[in-house]
Amino acid sequence: MQIEFVNGALAANTSPIARIIDQDALPADLEPVLVEGARASRFSGKTGQIFEGFLSRGGAVVRASLAGAGSPSAKDRMAAMERAGAALTAKYLASGETTLTIDFSGSALTAGEVAAVLLGARLRGWRHDAYRTKLLDDHKVSLTTIRAVGAPEGSDAAWEIEAALAAGVEFTRELVTEPANVLYPESFVARAQQRMAGTGIAIRVLDEAEMAALGMGSLLGVAQGSVRKPRLLVMEWKGGPVGEKPTAFVGKGVTFDTGGISLKPPGGMEDMKWDMGGAGAVAGAMLALALRKAKANVVGICGLVENMPDGGAQRPGDVVTSMSGQTIEVINTDAEGRLVLCDAITWTQREFKPAAVIDLATLTGAMIISLGHEHGGLFSNDDALAEKLLGAGTASGDKLWRMPMGPAYDKLIDSPIADMKNVGPREGGSISAAQFIQRFVDKGMPWAHLDIAGMVWSNKPGATWDKGATGYGVRVLDRYVRDTLEV
């Protein structure tokens, strides 16, 4: 969706016109017909509330909308601004209108608040219709442009930053949405290379032979049942001080997960195309950082595999040797994400010696049982890092909830024949999974694990997304960089 800034009033405007309204504060200059209509419809300006009426301007009848932004003193003011913009897009996205004008003239909104309105509007307008060939006209996206009129000084500069973030979220949604016959390790890499060309991100790719030479037996064990060859995608952004250690984002990229020999039930297995949501979030975050020229050194690493059950697939009971040298008894081949992450994290630590490692993964169904679809789970060995990520989650809307870890949980993954097994008992499944990953984190390395299994896909529309891929993870990583690395 295109965002345009217009100086002064629009001449002969016939597109729908919208205004952002604070709760219980209808502007004095609002046309009487809209005031009466809003009151009759019990429009009060609550966050995300919409009222539509009609005005006569220049001899033409124009659609006019009011979007509620809630209380100006609310703690979640910026989120409310996003919801106001998103509500307008949802109203007009398939309305037949191609342009929506948002009139900020005379409002008390800041440049940052205007940018938040536009961010919500753009994010809510993303939809993936590439494979829909028989959509009815009234279901087709028509809205392509949003014009911002009378925005305060600095709004366009504030929007440039949020536009980069929007592009990153949209890229993640694209990756998560694509079916597994289209998106697999090699094509994931190709899309990243294409999308990031010219951004300043340096990309490296490790193939199967290179990973084998490095001893990545854990990651490669997951991939050995598929005809799709694994890849390790490495994205480097050097926007900070020369020589400063980078922060590493590591993403689980299982482009399709059948469960392997420990085959998943068929019902709902199609959802496993988004089991690469952690890698998708890392790729989207790297794109956002590069587009807004973030003043930080960050590396993004995606372990990309497909987990299939052919005659060459690893079996329950197999023992594999990870790059770290630690051995793993594979009790359940459907607990594969941690097997991918452990080698990716080991390689990242040896290659970059990062300041901190943050991994993201759609790792466990147990996380959804614990937190539903409201928060991602946060596990960490470092209280300061955890607090910064919790704050970034609250500020960005990608909410996190810290989960416990400790020796009592760690012993649940001890194996009688190897250094560890890849699953513990059913109880505390997301915690024992985090304990597994922690065994591959170097002593003294600040580390956080984000289990985002319940967050990357939604079966119903949300505030700033349609049904489907949410783009979760990009915003919390971007906010962490803004608040922690760019200060």
Protein backbone atom coordinates (compact mmCIF):
# COMPACT_ATOMS: atom_id res chain seq x y z
CA MET A 1 0.00 0.00 0.00
CA GLN A 2 1.32 3.44 -0.96
CA ILE A 3 1.41 6.29 1.57
CA GLU A 4 1.43 9.85 0.24
CA PHE A 5 1.86 13.11 2.13
CA VAL A 6 -0.06 16.09 0.77
CA ASN A 7 0.61 19.68 1.77
CA GLY A 8 -2.49 21.82 2.05
CA ALA A 9 -6.07 20.87 1.28
CA LEU A 10 -6.88 18.51 -1.55
CA ALA A 11 -8.66 20.17 -4.44
CA ALA A 12 -11.79 18.45 -5.76
CA ASN A 13 -11.20 15.41 -3.58
CA THR A 14 -13.77 12.68 -4.20
CA SER A 15 -12.09 9.84 -2.31
CA PRO A 16 -13.31 8.94 1.18
CA ILE A 17 -12.10 11.35 3.87
CA ALA A 18 -11.30 10.22 7.40
CA ARG A 19 -10.38 11.91 10.65
CA ILE A 20 -8.86 10.52 13.82
CA ILE A 21 -11.00 11.31 16.86
CA ASP A 22 -10.07 11.13 20.52
CA GLN A 23 -12.60 9.60 22.86
CA ASP A 24 -15.49 11.92 23.77
CA ALA A 25 -13.90 14.78 21.85
CA LEU A 26 -15.69 15.47 18.58
CA PRO A 27 -13.87 18.46 17.00
CA ALA A 28 -15.65 21.81 16.93
CA ASP A 29 -15.02 22.18 13.19
CA LEU A 30 -16.69 18.87 12.32
CA GLU A 31 -19.65 19.22 9.96
CA PRO A 32 -23.00 19.12 11.84
CA VAL A 33 -24.27 16.20 9.77
CA LEU A 34 -21.32 14.09 10.90
CA VAL A 35 -21.72 15.20 14.51
CA GLU A 36 -25.39 14.23 14.57
CA GLY A 37 -24.74 10.99 12.74
CA ALA A 38 -21.94 10.03 15.09
CA ARG A 39 -24.05 10.73 18.15
CA ALA A 40 -26.98 8.81 16.74
CA SER A 41 -24.71 5.85 16.08
CA ARG A 42 -23.24 6.06 19.61
CA PHE A 43 -19.80 6.77 18.24
CA SER A 44 -17.68 7.99 21.14
CA GLY A 45 -14.17 7.64 19.76
CA LYS A 46 -13.27 4.42 21.53
CA THR A 47 -10.13 2.82 20.18
CA GLY A 48 -10.76 1.29 16.75
CA GLN A 49 -14.39 2.44 16.59
CA ILE A 50 -15.57 3.59 13.13
CA PHE A 51 -18.42 5.81 12.02
CA GLU A 52 -19.17 6.50 8.35
CA GLY A 53 -21.40 9.22 6.93
CA PHE A 54 -21.62 11.32 3.78
CA LEU A 55 -20.80 14.94 2.97
CA SER A 56 -21.47 17.23 0.05
CA ARG A 57 -18.28 18.90 -1.14
CA GLY A 58 -17.82 20.80 -4.36
CA GLY A 59 -21.05 19.40 -5.74
CA ALA A 60 -20.00 15.81 -5.07
CA VAL A 61 -21.10 13.41 -2.37
CA VAL A 62 -18.07 12.17 -0.43
CA ARG A 63 -17.82 9.32 2.05
CA ALA A 64 -16.54 10.54 5.41
CA SER A 65 -15.35 8.45 8.34
CA LEU A 66 -14.36 9.02 11.93
CA ALA A 67 -11.89 6.61 13.55
CA GLY A 68 -11.65 6.38 17.31
CA ALA A 69 -8.24 6.71 18.96
CA GLY A 70 -9.30 6.31 22.58
CA SER A 71 -8.06 8.47 25.44
CA PRO A 72 -5.07 10.77 24.77
CA SER A 73 -3.69 9.87 28.21
CA ALA A 74 -3.82 6.10 27.73
CA LYS A 75 -0.55 4.22 28.29
CA ASP A 76 -1.02 2.38 24.99
CA ARG A 77 -1.56 5.57 23.01
CA MET A 78 0.65 4.54 20.08
CA ALA A 79 -1.05 1.15 19.82
CA ALA A 80 -4.40 2.96 19.79
CA MET A 81 -3.18 5.13 16.93
CA GLU A 82 -2.27 2.00 14.99
CA ARG A 83 -5.68 0.47 15.64
CA ALA A 84 -7.39 3.63 14.41
CA GLY A 85 -5.47 3.51 11.15
CA ALA A 86 -6.01 -0.23 10.80
CA ALA A 87 -9.74 0.12 11.35
CA LEU A 88 -9.94 2.58 8.47
CA THR A 89 -8.07 0.23 6.14
CA ALA A 90 -10.29 -2.69 7.15
CA LYS A 91 -13.33 -0.53 6.35
CA TYR A 92 -12.17 0.45 2.86
CA LEU A 93 -9.82 -2.34 1.79
CA ALA A 94 -12.32 -4.10 -0.48
CA SER A 95 -14.82 -1.26 -0.71
CA GLY A 96 -14.20 -0.43 -4.35
CA GLU A 97 -12.38 2.76 -3.33
CA THR A 98 -8.77 3.02 -4.45
CA THR A 99 -7.72 5.99 -2.31
CA LEU A 100 -8.41 7.03 1.27
CA THR A 101 -7.59 10.51 2.53
CA ILE A 102 -6.82 10.93 6.21
CA ASP A 103 -7.15 14.57 7.24
CA PHE A 104 -4.85 15.49 10.13
CA SER A 105 -5.45 19.26 9.72
CA GLY A 106 -6.07 20.97 13.03
CA SER A 107 -5.46 17.85 15.08
CA ALA A 108 -3.13 17.78 18.05
CA LEU A 109 -1.43 14.57 16.94
CA THR A 110 2.35 14.46 16.97
CA ALA A 111 4.47 13.32 14.03
CA GLY A 112 5.04 10.01 15.81
CA GLU A 113 1.32 9.50 16.33
CA VAL A 114 0.62 10.23 12.67
CA ALA A 115 3.26 7.68 11.69
CA ALA A 116 1.60 5.15 14.00
CA VAL A 117 -1.78 5.73 12.33
CA LEU A 118 -0.20 5.14 8.93
CA LEU A 119 1.68 2.08 10.16
CA GLY A 120 -1.54 0.48 11.37
CA ALA A 121 -3.26 1.38 8.11
CA ARG A 122 -0.53 -0.18 5.98
CA LEU A 123 -0.12 -3.33 8.06
CA ARG A 124 -3.84 -4.03 8.04
CA GLY A 125 -3.87 -3.70 4.27
CA TRP A 126 -1.48 -6.59 3.61
CA ARG A 127 -3.08 -9.63 2.04
CA HIS A 128 -1.76 -12.56 0.03
CA ASP A 129 -4.12 -13.20 -2.89
CA ALA A 130 -1.58 -14.63 -5.35
CA TYR A 131 -3.31 -18.00 -5.59
CA ARG A 132 -6.92 -16.79 -5.60
CA THR A 133 -8.22 -16.80 -9.15
CA LYS A 134 -11.98 -16.56 -8.60
CA LEU A 135 -12.47 -13.81 -6.05
CA LEU A 136 -15.73 -11.91 -6.31
CA ASP A 137 -15.30 -8.23 -7.06
CA ASP A 138 -16.51 -7.18 -3.63
CA HIS A 139 -13.86 -9.40 -2.05
CA LYS A 140 -10.93 -8.06 -4.08
CA VAL A 141 -8.56 -5.54 -2.57
CA SER A 142 -9.22 -2.15 -4.12
CA LEU A 143 -7.51 0.28 -1.73
CA THR A 144 -3.99 1.04 -2.94
CA THR A 145 -3.22 4.54 -1.64
CA ILE A 146 -3.58 6.45 1.60
CA ARG A 147 -3.07 10.20 1.51
CA ALA A 148 -2.07 12.05 4.66
CA VAL A 149 -3.26 15.67 4.52
CA GLY A 150 -2.25 18.38 6.96
CA ALA A 151 0.14 16.20 8.95
CA PRO A 152 2.43 18.05 11.39
CA GLU A 153 6.03 18.82 10.53
CA GLY A 154 8.29 15.80 10.73
CA SER A 155 5.57 13.27 10.00
CA ASP A 156 7.12 12.20 6.71
CA ALA A 157 10.48 11.56 8.40
CA ALA A 158 8.80 9.60 11.20
CA TRP A 159 6.92 7.60 8.60
CA GLU A 160 10.13 6.64 6.75
CA ILE A 161 11.25 4.74 9.85
CA GLU A 162 7.91 3.01 10.31
CA ALA A 163 7.69 2.25 6.59
CA ALA A 164 10.90 0.22 6.93
CA LEU A 165 9.36 -1.67 9.82
CA ALA A 166 6.20 -2.29 7.78
CA ALA A 167 8.28 -3.68 4.91
CA GLY A 168 9.98 -6.09 7.28
CA VAL A 169 6.68 -7.29 8.76
CA GLU A 170 5.22 -7.73 5.28
CA PHE A 171 8.23 -9.76 4.14
CA THR A 172 7.84 -12.06 7.13
CA ARG A 173 4.15 -12.49 6.41
CA GLU A 174 4.96 -13.36 2.82
CA LEU A 175 7.46 -16.02 3.85
CA VAL A 176 5.14 -17.52 6.47
CA THR A 177 2.16 -17.60 4.11
CA GLU A 178 3.77 -19.29 1.13
CA PRO A 179 3.02 -23.03 0.77
CA ALA A 180 5.82 -25.52 1.26
CA ASN A 181 5.95 -26.49 -2.43
CA VAL A 182 6.89 -22.88 -3.14
CA LEU A 183 8.95 -22.00 -0.08
CA TYR A 184 11.65 -24.46 0.97
CA PRO A 185 15.24 -23.93 2.14
CA GLU A 186 16.71 -23.03 -1.24
CA SER A 187 13.83 -20.78 -2.30
CA PHE A 188 13.76 -19.10 1.13
CA VAL A 189 17.39 -18.15 0.53
CA ALA A 190 16.62 -16.94 -2.98
CA ARG A 191 13.81 -14.68 -1.73
CA ALA A 192 16.01 -13.20 0.95
CA GLN A 193 18.78 -12.53 -1.56
CA GLN A 194 16.35 -10.88 -3.95
CA ARG A 195 14.56 -8.77 -1.34
CA MET A 196 17.73 -7.64 0.41
CA ALA A 197 19.73 -6.79 -2.69
CA GLY A 198 20.99 -3.23 -2.47
CA THR A 199 20.11 -2.79 1.21
CA GLY A 200 23.64 -3.16 2.52
CA ILE A 201 23.03 -6.56 4.09
CA ALA A 202 25.84 -9.03 3.40
CA ILE A 203 24.50 -12.52 2.76
CA ARG A 204 26.33 -15.82 3.06
CA VAL A 205 24.87 -19.28 2.55
CA LEU A 206 26.21 -22.59 3.86
CA ASP A 207 25.15 -25.65 1.89
CA GLU A 208 24.84 -29.26 3.01
CA ALA A 209 28.45 -30.17 2.31
CA GLU A 210 29.80 -27.17 4.22
CA MET A 211 27.58 -27.93 7.20
CA ALA A 212 28.66 -31.56 7.15
CA ALA A 213 32.29 -30.50 7.17
CA LEU A 214 31.56 -28.36 10.23
CA GLY A 215 30.01 -31.33 12.02
CA MET A 216 26.40 -30.11 12.13
CA GLY A 217 25.02 -33.61 12.62
CA SER A 218 22.04 -32.40 14.60
CA LEU A 219 20.69 -30.01 11.95
CA LEU A 220 21.51 -32.36 9.09
CA GLY A 221 19.80 -35.25 10.83
CA VAL A 222 16.50 -33.38 10.58
CA ALA A 223 17.01 -32.68 6.88
CA GLN A 224 18.09 -36.14 5.77
CA GLY A 225 14.55 -37.40 5.06
CA SER A 226 13.77 -34.67 2.51
CA VAL A 227 14.73 -34.13 -1.11
CA ARG A 228 14.92 -30.41 -0.27
CA LYS A 229 18.50 -29.63 0.68
CA PRO A 230 19.19 -27.72 3.92
CA ARG A 231 20.76 -24.30 4.06
CA LEU A 232 22.17 -21.98 6.72
CA LEU A 233 21.34 -18.41 5.75
CA VAL A 234 23.55 -15.70 7.25
CA MET A 235 22.63 -12.00 7.03
CA GLU A 236 25.01 -9.33 8.37
CA TRP A 237 24.11 -5.70 9.00
CA LYS A 238 26.98 -3.46 10.09
CA GLY A 239 25.38 -0.15 11.00
CA GLY A 240 27.04 0.33 14.38
CA PRO A 241 30.55 1.19 15.54
CA VAL A 242 33.33 -0.60 13.68
CA GLY A 243 34.58 -3.58 15.65
CA GLU A 244 31.66 -3.67 18.08
CA LYS A 245 30.34 -7.17 18.68
CA PRO A 246 27.08 -7.87 16.86
CA THR A 247 23.88 -9.07 18.47
CA ALA A 248 22.74 -12.33 16.91
CA PHE A 249 19.19 -13.28 15.98
CA VAL A 250 18.84 -16.99 15.22
CA GLY A 251 15.67 -18.39 13.65
CA LYS A 252 14.23 -21.88 13.33
CA GLY A 253 13.39 -22.41 9.66
CA VAL A 254 11.59 -25.72 9.24
CA THR A 255 9.85 -24.91 5.98
CA PHE A 256 7.52 -27.87 6.43
CA ASP A 257 7.24 -30.18 9.39
CA THR A 258 5.53 -33.53 8.97
CA GLY A 259 7.03 -34.68 12.25
CA GLY A 260 9.28 -37.06 10.36
CA ILE A 261 9.01 -40.71 11.39
CA SER A 262 7.14 -39.46 14.50
CA LEU A 263 4.43 -38.43 12.05
CA LYS A 264 1.96 -35.73 13.06
CA PRO A 265 -1.80 -36.41 12.84
CA PRO A 266 -3.13 -35.40 9.40
CA GLY A 267 -5.69 -32.94 10.74
CA GLY A 268 -4.13 -29.49 10.67
CA MET A 269 -0.79 -30.64 9.29
CA GLU A 270 -1.14 -28.08 6.52
CA ASP A 271 -0.43 -25.43 9.15
CA MET A 272 3.12 -26.69 9.41
CA LYS A 273 4.12 -24.57 6.45
CA TRP A 274 4.58 -21.82 9.03
CA ASP A 275 7.01 -23.81 11.17
CA MET A 276 9.67 -21.53 9.72
CA GLY A 277 8.08 -18.52 11.49
CA GLY A 278 11.17 -17.89 13.61
CA ALA A 279 13.42 -17.72 10.56
CA GLY A 280 10.80 -15.60 8.81
CA ALA A 281 10.83 -13.13 11.70
CA VAL A 282 14.62 -12.93 11.66
CA ALA A 283 14.66 -12.25 7.91
CA GLY A 284 11.96 -9.59 8.23
CA ALA A 285 13.72 -7.91 11.14
CA MET A 286 17.02 -7.78 9.25
CA LEU A 287 15.26 -6.18 6.28
CA ALA A 288 13.61 -3.58 8.51
CA LEU A 289 16.89 -2.71 10.21
CA ALA A 290 18.68 -2.29 6.90
CA LEU A 291 15.92 -0.20 5.31
CA ARG A 292 15.90 2.23 8.21
CA LYS A 293 19.72 2.21 8.43
CA ALA A 294 19.79 1.09 12.06
CA LYS A 295 22.88 2.24 13.93
CA ALA A 296 23.70 -1.21 15.26
CA ASN A 297 25.65 -4.33 14.35
CA VAL A 298 23.29 -7.27 13.97
CA VAL A 299 23.54 -10.70 12.37
CA GLY A 300 20.59 -12.88 11.44
CA ILE A 301 21.04 -16.63 11.05
CA CYS A 302 18.34 -18.97 9.75
CA GLY A 303 18.66 -22.74 9.97
CA LEU A 304 16.57 -23.96 7.03
CA VAL A 305 15.41 -27.56 6.66
CA GLU A 306 12.38 -29.63 5.70
CA ASN A 307 11.35 -32.50 8.02
CA MET A 308 10.02 -35.42 5.97
CA PRO A 309 9.56 -39.19 6.61
CA ASP A 310 11.21 -40.99 3.71
CA GLY A 311 13.40 -44.10 3.85
CA GLY A 312 16.44 -42.02 4.69
CA ALA A 313 14.85 -40.12 7.55
CA GLN A 314 16.31 -40.34 11.02
CA ARG A 315 14.54 -42.70 13.39
CA PRO A 316 13.44 -42.39 17.00
CA GLY A 317 16.35 -43.77 19.01
CA ASP A 318 19.05 -42.53 16.64
CA VAL A 319 22.00 -40.73 18.22
CA VAL A 320 23.46 -37.70 16.44
CA THR A 321 26.53 -35.61 17.19
CA SER A 322 26.04 -31.86 17.20
CA MET A 323 28.57 -29.29 16.05
CA SER A 324 29.37 -28.63 19.70
CA GLY A 325 30.46 -32.25 20.07
CA GLN A 326 27.57 -33.08 22.39
CA THR A 327 25.57 -36.18 21.50
CA ILE A 328 21.79 -36.30 21.32
CA GLU A 329 19.46 -39.28 21.52
CA VAL A 330 16.55 -38.47 19.20
CA ILE A 331 13.53 -39.78 21.09
CA ASN A 332 10.98 -37.93 18.95
CA THR A 333 11.71 -36.76 15.40
CA ASP A 334 8.90 -34.20 15.74
CA ALA A 335 11.01 -32.32 18.28
CA GLU A 336 13.20 -31.17 15.43
CA GLY A 337 13.37 -27.41 15.83
CA ARG A 338 15.72 -27.60 18.79
CA LEU A 339 17.97 -29.91 16.76
CA VAL A 340 18.22 -27.23 14.09
CA LEU A 341 18.74 -24.38 16.53
CA CYS A 342 21.50 -26.02 18.56
CA ASP A 343 23.86 -26.28 15.59
CA ALA A 344 22.91 -22.84 14.28
CA ILE A 345 23.61 -21.30 17.69
CA THR A 346 26.93 -23.13 18.05
CA TRP A 347 28.06 -21.92 14.62
CA THR A 348 26.92 -18.37 15.38
CA GLN A 349 28.90 -18.21 18.63
CA ARG A 350 32.06 -19.54 17.02
CA GLU A 351 31.80 -17.37 13.92
CA PHE A 352 30.76 -14.02 15.42
CA LYS A 353 31.40 -14.15 19.18
CA PRO A 354 28.25 -12.04 19.57
CA ALA A 355 27.31 -9.73 22.41
CA ALA A 356 24.09 -11.71 22.90
CA VAL A 357 22.09 -14.44 21.19
CA ILE A 358 18.32 -14.27 20.78
CA ASP A 359 16.65 -17.21 19.08
CA LEU A 360 13.08 -17.35 17.78
CA ALA A 361 11.18 -20.52 17.02
CA THR A 362 7.72 -21.95 16.62
CA LEU A 363 9.06 -24.61 18.92
CA THR A 364 6.38 -26.30 21.03
CA GLY A 365 2.67 -26.90 21.12
CA ALA A 366 3.05 -26.77 24.90
CA MET A 367 3.69 -23.04 24.57
CA ILE A 368 0.25 -22.57 23.05
CA ILE A 369 -1.30 -24.54 25.91
CA SER A 370 0.51 -22.30 28.40
CA LEU A 371 0.01 -18.86 26.87
CA GLY A 372 -2.57 -19.28 24.12
CA HIS A 373 -2.26 -16.78 21.32
CA GLU A 374 -1.67 -13.70 23.47
CA HIS A 375 2.04 -13.88 24.32
CA GLY A 376 5.21 -15.47 23.08
CA GLY A 377 7.19 -17.36 25.70
CA LEU A 378 10.49 -15.87 26.86
CA PHE A 379 13.24 -18.00 28.39
CA SER A 380 16.60 -16.52 29.32
CA ASN A 381 19.80 -17.00 31.29
CA ASP A 382 20.19 -13.24 31.75
CA ASP A 383 17.78 -11.09 33.75
CA ALA A 384 18.85 -7.81 32.13
CA LEU A 385 18.37 -9.18 28.64
CA ALA A 386 15.01 -10.66 29.60
CA GLU A 387 13.77 -7.35 31.01
CA LYS A 388 14.81 -5.48 27.88
CA LEU A 389 12.98 -7.97 25.68
CA LEU A 390 9.87 -7.84 27.86
CA GLY A 391 9.90 -4.06 27.55
CA ALA A 392 10.40 -4.25 23.80
CA GLY A 393 7.49 -6.65 23.56
CA THR A 394 5.19 -4.33 25.47
CA ALA A 395 6.24 -1.27 23.46
CA SER A 396 5.95 -2.99 20.09
CA GLY A 397 2.80 -5.03 20.65
CA ASP A 398 4.67 -8.33 20.13
CA LYS A 399 4.00 -9.29 23.74
CA LEU A 400 6.19 -11.72 25.68
CA TRP A 401 5.83 -13.56 29.00
CA ARG A 402 8.84 -14.86 30.90
CA MET A 403 8.86 -18.55 31.73
CA PRO A 404 10.94 -20.38 34.37
CA MET A 405 14.08 -22.43 33.88
CA GLY A 406 16.31 -24.35 36.28
CA PRO A 407 18.20 -27.56 37.14
CA ALA A 408 15.03 -29.48 38.00
CA TYR A 409 13.80 -28.99 34.46
CA ASP A 410 17.21 -29.57 32.93
CA LYS A 411 17.60 -33.08 34.29
CA LEU A 412 14.40 -34.07 32.46
CA ILE A 413 16.39 -34.31 29.21
CA ASP A 414 19.23 -36.47 30.51
CA SER A 415 19.72 -39.59 28.36
CA PRO A 416 20.91 -43.02 29.52
CA ILE A 417 23.05 -43.50 26.41
CA ALA A 418 23.98 -40.00 25.17
CA ASP A 419 24.68 -36.54 26.57
CA MET A 420 21.01 -35.68 26.32
CA LYS A 421 17.74 -36.62 24.67
CA ASN A 422 15.75 -34.24 22.56
CA VAL A 423 12.51 -34.38 24.58
CA GLY A 424 11.52 -34.66 28.20
CA PRO A 425 8.14 -35.72 29.58
CA ARG A 426 4.89 -34.12 28.50
CA GLU A 427 4.82 -31.88 31.56
CA GLY A 428 6.70 -28.60 31.10
CA GLY A 429 7.41 -29.40 27.46
CA SER A 430 8.24 -25.85 26.41
CA ILE A 431 10.58 -25.47 29.40
CA SER A 432 12.54 -28.67 28.79
CA ALA A 433 12.85 -27.59 25.14
CA ALA A 434 14.42 -24.32 26.28
CA GLN A 435 16.71 -26.24 28.64
CA PHE A 436 17.87 -28.29 25.66
CA ILE A 437 18.81 -25.18 23.70
CA GLN A 438 20.57 -23.66 26.70
CA ARG A 439 22.99 -26.61 26.79
CA PHE A 440 24.48 -25.23 23.57
CA VAL A 441 24.88 -21.66 24.80
CA ASP A 442 28.45 -20.79 25.76
CA LYS A 443 29.18 -20.00 29.39
CA GLY A 444 28.75 -16.27 30.00
CA MET A 445 26.82 -15.66 26.77
CA PRO A 446 23.63 -13.63 27.34
CA TRP A 447 20.89 -15.65 25.66
CA ALA A 448 17.14 -15.54 25.23
CA HIS A 449 14.82 -18.01 23.57
CA LEU A 450 11.47 -16.86 22.23
CA ASP A 451 8.96 -19.67 21.69
CA ILE A 452 6.47 -18.04 19.34
CA ALA A 453 4.43 -21.08 18.33
CA GLY A 454 1.11 -19.44 19.16
CA MET A 455 1.84 -16.09 17.59
CA VAL A 456 2.94 -16.34 13.94
CA TRP A 457 -0.43 -17.39 12.54
CA SER A 458 -3.96 -16.30 13.43
CA ASN A 459 -7.23 -17.97 12.51
CA LYS A 460 -9.05 -14.65 12.79
CA PRO A 461 -8.25 -11.03 11.96
CA GLY A 462 -6.39 -9.01 14.58
CA ALA A 463 -5.94 -5.32 15.19
CA THR A 464 -3.34 -4.83 12.45
CA TRP A 465 -3.48 -8.07 10.48
CA ASP A 466 -5.96 -10.09 8.49
CA LYS A 467 -6.56 -13.78 9.10
CA GLY A 468 -3.30 -15.66 8.48
CA ALA A 469 0.32 -14.63 9.00
CA THR A 470 0.80 -11.94 11.64
CA GLY A 471 4.45 -11.05 11.10
CA TYR A 472 5.06 -11.57 14.82
CA GLY A 473 8.66 -11.25 15.96
CA VAL A 474 9.83 -8.50 13.63
CA ARG A 475 8.55 -5.69 15.80
CA VAL A 476 9.94 -6.94 19.09
CA LEU A 477 13.39 -7.42 17.56
CA ASP A 478 13.28 -3.99 15.91
CA ARG A 479 12.17 -2.36 19.16
CA TYR A 480 14.90 -4.16 21.08
CA VAL A 481 17.48 -2.74 18.67
CA ARG A 482 16.01 0.78 18.94
CA ASP A 483 15.84 0.80 22.73
CA THR A 484 18.98 -1.17 23.59
CA LEU A 485 21.53 -1.07 20.80
CA GLU A 486 20.90 2.37 19.27
CA VAL A 487 20.77 4.43 22.47
